[in-house]
Amino acid sequence: MQIETFKIFRDLVETASFSRAAELNAITQSAVSQQIRALEKKFRTALIRRHKKNFSITAEGKAFLAASQEILRSLDNLHDRLQTLKSLGAGNLHIATVHSIGLHELPRNLKIFRRAYPSVEVVVEYLRSAQVYQSVAKAQSDLGLVAYPARRRGVIVESHWKDKLVLICPPTHRFCKRRSIPINALSGERFISFAFDQPTRKAIDRIFRSHQVTIRRSMEFDNIETVKRAVEIDDGVAIVPHATVEEEQESGSLCAVEIESVDMWRPIGLIQRRGEQSAAVRAFVGILRKCDVL
């Protein structure tokens, strides 16, 4: 049985016309009738009921129609997939990202993309937030990922994703025995923070101010990995995205504690240039848009 047979049957049922089905498939009405009779002979059942001026579809015909539509949809999807692969070729995809997203949340999406498009060379560059915007705007990167996205000239910002901020502390700290703490419990704590110009630092500082929490800032670092290591050795505390400490929490080197009654969700933004994007960029963005979290 050829694929064209499924299309002929679908077109016949949907148009309710032998002549129209013949026209859509560039064959004669007689050929349409012969195809339908051949199907009925093959499956040993009537698919349509013939009348003088029209016809109706049998229950078996409805089942065959549903199968035909599914097969044809799959064929269309396969065609689109092959065209995408062809257009991607052996291209490149350059992603600029901040450390916390690039090291801990981006990898699972990259794995999906690389499995689907193995011929595309993916380069991930780790930059500070302001540099990510600049890199995309200047066409040095195809797209970027930042926390607490903001509008910037020359780029399009899209934000559908978020991650949870939690308090982290070493196993010896008293907070480690708690599942959650109120935000004001951090007053007076030795606090290890991100650098002053980072969006996550600014958001955390706003939360402290709004709840009149005064911390003792002991150290500042510009990337998530250094913040975590400092907490491990300095017996201080920090606030970081939960996804970035899952391994340490599992190994027991750090404790993650929820902060009560405060909006601790950190929005994540996708940065793109305006105008037409490459097939590789469109394919990767399509993967991201299927996720609630990166």
C-alpha atoms as a PDB file:
ATOM      1  CA  MET A   1       0.000   0.000   0.000  1.00  0.00           C
ATOM      2  CA  GLN A   2       1.382   3.388  -0.987  1.00  0.00           C
ATOM      3  CA  ILE A   3       1.228   6.602   1.057  1.00  0.00           C
ATOM      4  CA  GLU A   4      -0.772   8.244  -1.726  1.00  0.00           C
ATOM      5  CA  THR A   5      -3.643   5.850  -1.020  1.00  0.00           C
ATOM      6  CA  PHE A   6      -4.118   7.278   2.484  1.00  0.00           C
ATOM      7  CA  LYS A   7      -4.193  10.794   1.076  1.00  0.00           C
ATOM      8  CA  ILE A   8      -6.722   9.868  -1.619  1.00  0.00           C
ATOM      9  CA  PHE A   9      -9.053   8.314   0.954  1.00  0.00           C
ATOM     10  CA  ARG A  10      -8.709  11.314   3.299  1.00  0.00           C
ATOM     11  CA  ASP A  11      -9.375  13.773   0.473  1.00  0.00           C
ATOM     12  CA  LEU A  12     -12.400  11.791  -0.698  1.00  0.00           C
ATOM     13  CA  VAL A  13     -14.000  11.755   2.744  1.00  0.00           C
ATOM     14  CA  GLU A  14     -13.170  15.385   3.549  1.00  0.00           C
ATOM     15  CA  THR A  15     -14.453  16.720   0.200  1.00  0.00           C
ATOM     16  CA  ALA A  16     -17.282  14.183  -0.190  1.00  0.00           C
ATOM     17  CA  SER A  17     -16.513  14.250  -3.892  1.00  0.00           C
ATOM     18  CA  PHE A  18     -14.837  11.720  -6.190  1.00  0.00           C
ATOM     19  CA  SER A  19     -14.115  14.449  -8.732  1.00  0.00           C
ATOM     20  CA  ARG A  20     -12.565  16.784  -6.175  1.00  0.00           C
ATOM     21  CA  ALA A  21     -10.444  13.980  -4.682  1.00  0.00           C
ATOM     22  CA  ALA A  22      -9.277  13.126  -8.204  1.00  0.00           C
ATOM     23  CA  GLU A  23      -8.381  16.770  -8.868  1.00  0.00           C
ATOM     24  CA  LEU A  24      -6.440  17.117  -5.595  1.00  0.00           C
ATOM     25  CA  ASN A  25      -4.365  14.057  -6.429  1.00  0.00           C
ATOM     26  CA  ALA A  26      -3.980  14.671 -10.180  1.00  0.00           C
ATOM     27  CA  ILE A  27      -5.689  11.412 -11.153  1.00  0.00           C
ATOM     28  CA  THR A  28      -8.984  10.406 -12.749  1.00  0.00           C
ATOM     29  CA  GLN A  29     -12.252   9.732 -10.936  1.00  0.00           C
ATOM     30  CA  SER A  30     -11.995   6.157 -12.109  1.00  0.00           C
ATOM     31  CA  ALA A  31      -8.574   5.870 -10.448  1.00  0.00           C
ATOM     32  CA  VAL A  32     -10.057   7.142  -7.167  1.00  0.00           C
ATOM     33  CA  SER A  33     -12.798   4.497  -7.336  1.00  0.00           C
ATOM     34  CA  GLN A  34     -10.250   1.792  -8.113  1.00  0.00           C
ATOM     35  CA  GLN A  35      -8.099   2.822  -5.120  1.00  0.00           C
ATOM     36  CA  ILE A  36     -11.087   2.656  -2.754  1.00  0.00           C
ATOM     37  CA  ARG A  37     -12.178  -0.755  -4.085  1.00  0.00           C
ATOM     38  CA  ALA A  38      -8.613  -2.033  -3.704  1.00  0.00           C
ATOM     39  CA  LEU A  39      -8.613  -0.908  -0.056  1.00  0.00           C
ATOM     40  CA  GLU A  40     -11.932  -2.595   0.639  1.00  0.00           C
ATOM     41  CA  LYS A  41     -10.687  -5.787  -1.000  1.00  0.00           C
ATOM     42  CA  LYS A  42      -7.467  -5.716   1.002  1.00  0.00           C
ATOM     43  CA  PHE A  43      -9.229  -5.234   4.354  1.00  0.00           C
ATOM     44  CA  ARG A  44     -12.292  -7.281   3.357  1.00  0.00           C
ATOM     45  CA  THR A  45     -14.726  -4.647   4.561  1.00  0.00           C
ATOM     46  CA  ALA A  46     -16.736  -1.750   3.155  1.00  0.00           C
ATOM     47  CA  LEU A  47     -15.218   1.645   3.904  1.00  0.00           C
ATOM     48  CA  ILE A  48     -17.886   3.747   2.220  1.00  0.00           C
ATOM     49  CA  ARG A  49     -21.542   3.246   1.289  1.00  0.00           C
ATOM     50  CA  ARG A  50     -22.148   4.209  -2.313  1.00  0.00           C
ATOM     51  CA  HIS A  51     -25.298   6.050  -3.340  1.00  0.00           C
ATOM     52  CA  LYS A  52     -26.441   7.456  -6.655  1.00  0.00           C
ATOM     53  CA  LYS A  53     -25.335  11.013  -6.021  1.00  0.00           C
ATOM     54  CA  ASN A  54     -23.205  10.695  -2.934  1.00  0.00           C
ATOM     55  CA  PHE A  55     -21.747   8.289  -0.413  1.00  0.00           C
ATOM     56  CA  SER A  56     -21.418   7.887   3.365  1.00  0.00           C
ATOM     57  CA  ILE A  57     -18.615   6.452   5.447  1.00  0.00           C
ATOM     58  CA  THR A  58     -18.909   3.220   7.440  1.00  0.00           C
ATOM     59  CA  ALA A  59     -17.603   2.669  10.979  1.00  0.00           C
ATOM     60  CA  GLU A  60     -14.647   0.836   9.454  1.00  0.00           C
ATOM     61  CA  GLY A  61     -14.155   3.757   7.104  1.00  0.00           C
ATOM     62  CA  LYS A  62     -14.016   6.174  10.056  1.00  0.00           C
ATOM     63  CA  ALA A  63     -11.311   4.029  11.662  1.00  0.00           C
ATOM     64  CA  PHE A  64      -9.354   4.003   8.406  1.00  0.00           C
ATOM     65  CA  LEU A  65      -9.771   7.773   8.063  1.00  0.00           C
ATOM     66  CA  ALA A  66      -8.350   8.352  11.560  1.00  0.00           C
ATOM     67  CA  ALA A  67      -5.397   6.109  10.748  1.00  0.00           C
ATOM     68  CA  SER A  68      -4.864   7.896   7.424  1.00  0.00           C
ATOM     69  CA  GLN A  69      -4.841  11.310   9.098  1.00  0.00           C
ATOM     70  CA  GLU A  70      -2.335  10.125  11.705  1.00  0.00           C
ATOM     71  CA  ILE A  71      -0.030   8.639   9.065  1.00  0.00           C
ATOM     72  CA  LEU A  72      -0.166  11.783   6.947  1.00  0.00           C
ATOM     73  CA  ARG A  73       0.530  14.019   9.970  1.00  0.00           C
ATOM     74  CA  SER A  74       3.537  11.878  10.830  1.00  0.00           C
ATOM     75  CA  LEU A  75       4.755  12.170   7.249  1.00  0.00           C
ATOM     76  CA  ASP A  76       4.396  15.961   7.335  1.00  0.00           C
ATOM     77  CA  ASN A  77       6.274  16.121  10.633  1.00  0.00           C
ATOM     78  CA  LEU A  78       9.031  13.959   9.193  1.00  0.00           C
ATOM     79  CA  HIS A  79       9.299  16.241   6.175  1.00  0.00           C
ATOM     80  CA  ASP A  80       9.568  19.319   8.417  1.00  0.00           C
ATOM     81  CA  ARG A  81      12.158  17.579  10.568  1.00  0.00           C
ATOM     82  CA  LEU A  82      14.283  16.618   7.580  1.00  0.00           C
ATOM     83  CA  GLN A  83      14.050  20.145   6.186  1.00  0.00           C
ATOM     84  CA  THR A  84      15.164  21.562   9.531  1.00  0.00           C
ATOM     85  CA  LEU A  85      18.108  19.175   9.660  1.00  0.00           C
ATOM     86  CA  LYS A  86      19.033  20.110   6.112  1.00  0.00           C
ATOM     87  CA  SER A  87      18.871  23.827   6.857  1.00  0.00           C
ATOM     88  CA  LEU A  88      20.878  23.418  10.071  1.00  0.00           C
ATOM     89  CA  GLY A  89      23.660  21.626   8.235  1.00  0.00           C
ATOM     90  CA  ALA A  90      26.928  21.785  10.129  1.00  0.00           C
ATOM     91  CA  GLY A  91      26.293  25.241  11.555  1.00  0.00           C
ATOM     92  CA  ASN A  92      27.233  26.823  14.859  1.00  0.00           C
ATOM     93  CA  LEU A  93      25.267  27.989  17.892  1.00  0.00           C
ATOM     94  CA  HIS A  94      26.962  30.450  20.251  1.00  0.00           C
ATOM     95  CA  ILE A  95      25.271  30.908  23.638  1.00  0.00           C
ATOM     96  CA  ALA A  96      26.251  33.551  26.196  1.00  0.00           C
ATOM     97  CA  THR A  97      25.109  32.885  29.749  1.00  0.00           C
ATOM     98  CA  VAL A  98      25.738  33.702  33.375  1.00  0.00           C
ATOM     99  CA  HIS A  99      27.464  30.958  35.378  1.00  0.00           C
ATOM    100  CA  SER A 100      24.523  29.853  37.516  1.00  0.00           C
ATOM    101  CA  ILE A 101      22.300  29.161  34.498  1.00  0.00           C
ATOM    102  CA  GLY A 102      24.985  27.858  32.178  1.00  0.00           C
ATOM    103  CA  LEU A 103      26.479  25.369  34.608  1.00  0.00           C
ATOM    104  CA  HIS A 104      23.347  24.040  36.277  1.00  0.00           C
ATOM    105  CA  GLU A 105      20.193  24.668  34.230  1.00  0.00           C
ATOM    106  CA  LEU A 106      21.270  24.920  30.607  1.00  0.00           C
ATOM    107  CA  PRO A 107      22.982  21.480  30.287  1.00  0.00           C
ATOM    108  CA  ARG A 108      19.810  19.375  30.141  1.00  0.00           C
ATOM    109  CA  ASN A 109      18.483  21.458  27.242  1.00  0.00           C
ATOM    110  CA  LEU A 110      21.836  21.313  25.492  1.00  0.00           C
ATOM    111  CA  LYS A 111      21.762  17.530  25.800  1.00  0.00           C
ATOM    112  CA  ILE A 112      18.372  17.402  24.057  1.00  0.00           C
ATOM    113  CA  PHE A 113      19.573  19.759  21.321  1.00  0.00           C
ATOM    114  CA  ARG A 114      22.847  17.938  20.685  1.00  0.00           C
ATOM    115  CA  ARG A 115      21.054  14.613  20.459  1.00  0.00           C
ATOM    116  CA  ALA A 116      18.604  16.045  17.916  1.00  0.00           C
ATOM    117  CA  TYR A 117      21.149  18.091  15.919  1.00  0.00           C
ATOM    118  CA  PRO A 118      24.564  16.440  16.311  1.00  0.00           C
ATOM    119  CA  SER A 119      26.062  18.300  13.349  1.00  0.00           C
ATOM    120  CA  VAL A 120      25.668  21.719  15.006  1.00  0.00           C
ATOM    121  CA  GLU A 121      28.697  22.932  16.935  1.00  0.00           C
ATOM    122  CA  VAL A 122      27.542  24.522  20.207  1.00  0.00           C
ATOM    123  CA  VAL A 123      29.763  27.002  22.054  1.00  0.00           C
ATOM    124  CA  VAL A 124      28.790  28.223  25.531  1.00  0.00           C
ATOM    125  CA  GLU A 125      30.489  31.370  26.842  1.00  0.00           C
ATOM    126  CA  TYR A 126      30.218  32.393  30.505  1.00  0.00           C
ATOM    127  CA  LEU A 127      29.874  36.141  31.023  1.00  0.00           C
ATOM    128  CA  ARG A 128      28.546  38.579  33.559  1.00  0.00           C
ATOM    129  CA  SER A 129      24.949  39.631  33.055  1.00  0.00           C
ATOM    130  CA  ALA A 130      25.623  43.013  31.397  1.00  0.00           C
ATOM    131  CA  GLN A 131      28.108  41.372  29.044  1.00  0.00           C
ATOM    132  CA  VAL A 132      25.518  38.819  27.923  1.00  0.00           C
ATOM    133  CA  TYR A 133      23.242  41.596  26.619  1.00  0.00           C
ATOM    134  CA  GLN A 134      26.183  43.254  24.854  1.00  0.00           C
ATOM    135  CA  SER A 135      27.394  40.027  23.294  1.00  0.00           C
ATOM    136  CA  VAL A 136      23.981  39.285  21.766  1.00  0.00           C
ATOM    137  CA  ALA A 137      23.370  42.887  20.643  1.00  0.00           C
ATOM    138  CA  LYS A 138      26.756  43.000  18.893  1.00  0.00           C
ATOM    139  CA  ALA A 139      26.132  39.618  17.196  1.00  0.00           C
ATOM    140  CA  GLN A 140      29.038  38.039  19.066  1.00  0.00           C
ATOM    141  CA  SER A 141      26.568  35.468  20.443  1.00  0.00           C
ATOM    142  CA  ASP A 142      23.419  34.035  18.880  1.00  0.00           C
ATOM    143  CA  LEU A 143      21.423  34.175  22.099  1.00  0.00           C
ATOM    144  CA  GLY A 144      21.894  34.747  25.818  1.00  0.00           C
ATOM    145  CA  LEU A 145      20.506  33.631  29.165  1.00  0.00           C
ATOM    146  CA  VAL A 146      20.357  35.888  32.226  1.00  0.00           C
ATOM    147  CA  ALA A 147      18.607  36.147  35.572  1.00  0.00           C
ATOM    148  CA  TYR A 148      16.165  38.984  36.310  1.00  0.00           C
ATOM    149  CA  PRO A 149      15.967  40.020  32.635  1.00  0.00           C
ATOM    150  CA  ALA A 150      15.498  43.666  31.707  1.00  0.00           C
ATOM    151  CA  ARG A 151      14.685  45.459  28.476  1.00  0.00           C
ATOM    152  CA  ARG A 152      17.743  46.562  26.517  1.00  0.00           C
ATOM    153  CA  ARG A 153      18.162  48.338  23.220  1.00  0.00           C
ATOM    154  CA  GLY A 154      18.887  46.117  20.243  1.00  0.00           C
ATOM    155  CA  VAL A 155      17.652  42.856  21.741  1.00  0.00           C
ATOM    156  CA  ILE A 156      14.414  40.999  22.411  1.00  0.00           C
ATOM    157  CA  VAL A 157      13.911  39.711  25.948  1.00  0.00           C
ATOM    158  CA  GLU A 158      11.677  36.731  26.600  1.00  0.00           C
ATOM    159  CA  SER A 159      11.003  35.332  30.074  1.00  0.00           C
ATOM    160  CA  HIS A 160       8.888  32.232  30.698  1.00  0.00           C
ATOM    161  CA  TRP A 161      11.186  30.457  33.150  1.00  0.00           C
ATOM    162  CA  LYS A 162      12.118  30.783  36.805  1.00  0.00           C
ATOM    163  CA  ASP A 163      14.072  29.032  39.535  1.00  0.00           C
ATOM    164  CA  LYS A 164      13.809  28.984  43.330  1.00  0.00           C
ATOM    165  CA  LEU A 165      16.229  30.870  45.564  1.00  0.00           C
ATOM    166  CA  VAL A 166      17.147  29.139  48.829  1.00  0.00           C
ATOM    167  CA  LEU A 167      19.419  29.798  51.777  1.00  0.00           C
ATOM    168  CA  ILE A 168      22.560  27.642  51.882  1.00  0.00           C
ATOM    169  CA  CYS A 169      24.788  26.971  54.871  1.00  0.00           C
ATOM    170  CA  PRO A 170      27.413  24.402  55.929  1.00  0.00           C
ATOM    171  CA  PRO A 171      26.295  21.246  57.797  1.00  0.00           C
ATOM    172  CA  THR A 172      27.667  22.664  61.063  1.00  0.00           C
ATOM    173  CA  HIS A 173      25.440  25.744  60.941  1.00  0.00           C
ATOM    174  CA  ARG A 174      22.365  25.834  63.190  1.00  0.00           C
ATOM    175  CA  PHE A 175      20.095  26.556  60.200  1.00  0.00           C
ATOM    176  CA  CYS A 176      20.993  23.172  58.730  1.00  0.00           C
ATOM    177  CA  LYS A 177      18.579  21.502  61.168  1.00  0.00           C
ATOM    178  CA  ARG A 178      15.690  23.600  59.862  1.00  0.00           C
ATOM    179  CA  ARG A 179      13.540  22.877  56.820  1.00  0.00           C
ATOM    180  CA  SER A 180      12.655  26.560  56.531  1.00  0.00           C
ATOM    181  CA  ILE A 181      13.370  29.875  58.231  1.00  0.00           C
ATOM    182  CA  PRO A 182      11.741  33.322  58.215  1.00  0.00           C
ATOM    183  CA  ILE A 183      13.672  36.005  56.327  1.00  0.00           C
ATOM    184  CA  ASN A 184      14.275  38.041  59.508  1.00  0.00           C
ATOM    185  CA  ALA A 185      16.221  35.097  60.977  1.00  0.00           C
ATOM    186  CA  LEU A 186      19.092  36.204  58.725  1.00  0.00           C
ATOM    187  CA  SER A 187      19.629  39.459  60.627  1.00  0.00           C
ATOM    188  CA  GLY A 188      23.178  39.559  61.939  1.00  0.00           C
ATOM    189  CA  GLU A 189      24.312  36.501  59.944  1.00  0.00           C
ATOM    190  CA  ARG A 190      27.679  36.364  58.189  1.00  0.00           C
ATOM    191  CA  PHE A 191      26.507  36.629  54.582  1.00  0.00           C
ATOM    192  CA  ILE A 192      28.434  35.692  51.464  1.00  0.00           C
ATOM    193  CA  SER A 193      26.950  37.438  48.463  1.00  0.00           C
ATOM    194  CA  PHE A 194      27.232  37.957  44.766  1.00  0.00           C
ATOM    195  CA  ALA A 195      29.083  41.002  43.428  1.00  0.00           C
ATOM    196  CA  PHE A 196      27.223  44.301  43.833  1.00  0.00           C
ATOM    197  CA  ASP A 197      26.442  44.728  40.113  1.00  0.00           C
ATOM    198  CA  GLN A 198      24.805  41.337  39.592  1.00  0.00           C
ATOM    199  CA  PRO A 199      20.986  41.268  39.190  1.00  0.00           C
ATOM    200  CA  THR A 200      20.517  38.430  41.687  1.00  0.00           C
ATOM    201  CA  ARG A 201      22.485  40.407  44.309  1.00  0.00           C
ATOM    202  CA  LYS A 202      20.337  43.478  43.673  1.00  0.00           C
ATOM    203  CA  ALA A 203      17.133  41.433  44.012  1.00  0.00           C
ATOM    204  CA  ILE A 204      18.292  39.863  47.291  1.00  0.00           C
ATOM    205  CA  ASP A 205      19.285  43.277  48.652  1.00  0.00           C
ATOM    206  CA  ARG A 206      15.796  44.588  47.832  1.00  0.00           C
ATOM    207  CA  ILE A 207      14.259  41.695  49.755  1.00  0.00           C
ATOM    208  CA  PHE A 208      16.476  42.450  52.771  1.00  0.00           C
ATOM    209  CA  ARG A 209      15.545  46.141  52.688  1.00  0.00           C
ATOM    210  CA  SER A 210      11.820  45.490  52.365  1.00  0.00           C
ATOM    211  CA  HIS A 211      11.930  43.187  55.430  1.00  0.00           C
ATOM    212  CA  GLN A 212      14.399  45.377  57.367  1.00  0.00           C
ATOM    213  CA  VAL A 213      16.982  42.601  57.536  1.00  0.00           C
ATOM    214  CA  THR A 214      20.549  43.662  58.286  1.00  0.00           C
ATOM    215  CA  ILE A 215      23.192  41.091  57.411  1.00  0.00           C
ATOM    216  CA  ARG A 216      26.957  41.095  58.025  1.00  0.00           C
ATOM    217  CA  ARG A 217      28.365  40.916  54.530  1.00  0.00           C
ATOM    218  CA  SER A 218      31.665  39.071  54.782  1.00  0.00           C
ATOM    219  CA  MET A 219      32.607  38.369  51.165  1.00  0.00           C
ATOM    220  CA  GLU A 220      31.437  39.076  47.612  1.00  0.00           C
ATOM    221  CA  PHE A 221      32.064  36.981  44.503  1.00  0.00           C
ATOM    222  CA  ASP A 222      31.108  37.250  40.856  1.00  0.00           C
ATOM    223  CA  ASN A 223      30.158  33.620  40.228  1.00  0.00           C
ATOM    224  CA  ILE A 224      28.027  30.960  41.843  1.00  0.00           C
ATOM    225  CA  GLU A 225      30.738  28.316  42.272  1.00  0.00           C
ATOM    226  CA  THR A 226      32.952  30.605  44.360  1.00  0.00           C
ATOM    227  CA  VAL A 227      30.000  31.630  46.521  1.00  0.00           C
ATOM    228  CA  LYS A 228      29.246  27.973  47.281  1.00  0.00           C
ATOM    229  CA  ARG A 229      32.862  27.130  48.103  1.00  0.00           C
ATOM    230  CA  ALA A 230      33.097  30.152  50.409  1.00  0.00           C
ATOM    231  CA  VAL A 231      29.988  29.026  52.312  1.00  0.00           C
ATOM    232  CA  GLU A 232      31.478  25.545  52.726  1.00  0.00           C
ATOM    233  CA  ILE A 233      34.721  26.815  54.287  1.00  0.00           C
ATOM    234  CA  ASP A 234      33.693  30.069  56.005  1.00  0.00           C
ATOM    235  CA  ASP A 235      30.672  28.915  58.023  1.00  0.00           C
ATOM    236  CA  GLY A 236      28.606  31.743  56.555  1.00  0.00           C
ATOM    237  CA  VAL A 237      25.327  31.678  54.659  1.00  0.00           C
ATOM    238  CA  ALA A 238      24.257  32.711  51.168  1.00  0.00           C
ATOM    239  CA  ILE A 239      21.168  32.794  48.976  1.00  0.00           C
ATOM    240  CA  VAL A 240      21.481  30.967  45.649  1.00  0.00           C
ATOM    241  CA  PRO A 241      19.251  29.198  43.072  1.00  0.00           C
ATOM    242  CA  HIS A 242      18.276  25.771  44.367  1.00  0.00           C
ATOM    243  CA  ALA A 243      19.282  24.040  41.127  1.00  0.00           C
ATOM    244  CA  THR A 244      22.885  25.121  41.678  1.00  0.00           C
ATOM    245  CA  VAL A 245      23.293  23.228  44.977  1.00  0.00           C
ATOM    246  CA  GLU A 246      21.463  19.977  44.313  1.00  0.00           C
ATOM    247  CA  GLU A 247      24.718  17.987  44.115  1.00  0.00           C
ATOM    248  CA  GLU A 248      26.130  19.530  47.296  1.00  0.00           C
ATOM    249  CA  GLN A 249      22.843  18.959  49.098  1.00  0.00           C
ATOM    250  CA  GLU A 250      22.862  15.307  48.065  1.00  0.00           C
ATOM    251  CA  SER A 251      26.492  14.813  49.121  1.00  0.00           C
ATOM    252  CA  GLY A 252      25.901  16.618  52.434  1.00  0.00           C
ATOM    253  CA  SER A 253      28.529  19.319  51.942  1.00  0.00           C
ATOM    254  CA  LEU A 254      25.869  22.060  52.020  1.00  0.00           C
ATOM    255  CA  CYS A 255      22.354  22.416  53.392  1.00  0.00           C
ATOM    256  CA  ALA A 256      19.564  24.128  51.453  1.00  0.00           C
ATOM    257  CA  VAL A 257      16.875  25.801  53.566  1.00  0.00           C
ATOM    258  CA  GLU A 258      13.674  27.359  52.260  1.00  0.00           C
ATOM    259  CA  ILE A 259      12.918  30.967  53.169  1.00  0.00           C
ATOM    260  CA  GLU A 260       9.355  31.366  54.420  1.00  0.00           C
ATOM    261  CA  SER A 261       6.669  33.759  53.209  1.00  0.00           C
ATOM    262  CA  VAL A 262       8.864  35.576  50.693  1.00  0.00           C
ATOM    263  CA  ASP A 263       8.720  35.489  46.920  1.00  0.00           C
ATOM    264  CA  MET A 264      12.068  33.812  46.251  1.00  0.00           C
ATOM    265  CA  TRP A 265      11.467  32.883  42.606  1.00  0.00           C
ATOM    266  CA  ARG A 266      14.169  34.172  40.261  1.00  0.00           C
ATOM    267  CA  PRO A 267      13.009  34.882  36.670  1.00  0.00           C
ATOM    268  CA  ILE A 268      15.250  33.728  33.829  1.00  0.00           C
ATOM    269  CA  GLY A 269      15.362  35.564  30.501  1.00  0.00           C
ATOM    270  CA  LEU A 270      16.233  34.565  26.966  1.00  0.00           C
ATOM    271  CA  ILE A 271      18.032  37.296  25.008  1.00  0.00           C
ATOM    272  CA  GLN A 272      17.880  37.369  21.201  1.00  0.00           C
ATOM    273  CA  ARG A 273      18.716  39.848  18.460  1.00  0.00           C
ATOM    274  CA  ARG A 274      15.953  41.418  16.464  1.00  0.00           C
ATOM    275  CA  GLY A 275      15.409  40.140  12.936  1.00  0.00           C
ATOM    276  CA  GLU A 276      15.614  36.751  11.259  1.00  0.00           C
ATOM    277  CA  GLN A 277      17.410  34.046  13.240  1.00  0.00           C
ATOM    278  CA  SER A 278      19.308  31.031  11.979  1.00  0.00           C
ATOM    279  CA  ALA A 279      17.696  27.591  11.863  1.00  0.00           C
ATOM    280  CA  ALA A 280      19.939  26.475  14.735  1.00  0.00           C
ATOM    281  CA  VAL A 281      18.769  29.324  16.958  1.00  0.00           C
ATOM    282  CA  ARG A 282      15.114  28.689  16.106  1.00  0.00           C
ATOM    283  CA  ALA A 283      15.517  24.984  16.884  1.00  0.00           C
ATOM    284  CA  PHE A 284      17.188  25.627  20.249  1.00  0.00           C
ATOM    285  CA  VAL A 285      14.663  28.282  21.258  1.00  0.00           C
ATOM    286  CA  GLY A 286      11.898  25.824  20.376  1.00  0.00           C
ATOM    287  CA  ILE A 287      13.367  23.354  22.859  1.00  0.00           C
ATOM    288  CA  LEU A 288      13.561  26.023  25.586  1.00  0.00           C
ATOM    289  CA  ARG A 289       9.952  27.076  25.067  1.00  0.00           C
ATOM    290  CA  LYS A 290       8.739  23.578  25.834  1.00  0.00           C
ATOM    291  CA  CYS A 291      10.140  23.844  29.376  1.00  0.00           C
ATOM    292  CA  ASP A 292       8.636  25.541  32.438  1.00  0.00           C
ATOM    293  CA  VAL A 293      12.101  25.704  33.937  1.00  0.00           C
ATOM    294  CA  LEU A 294      15.429  25.556  32.155  1.00  0.00           C
END
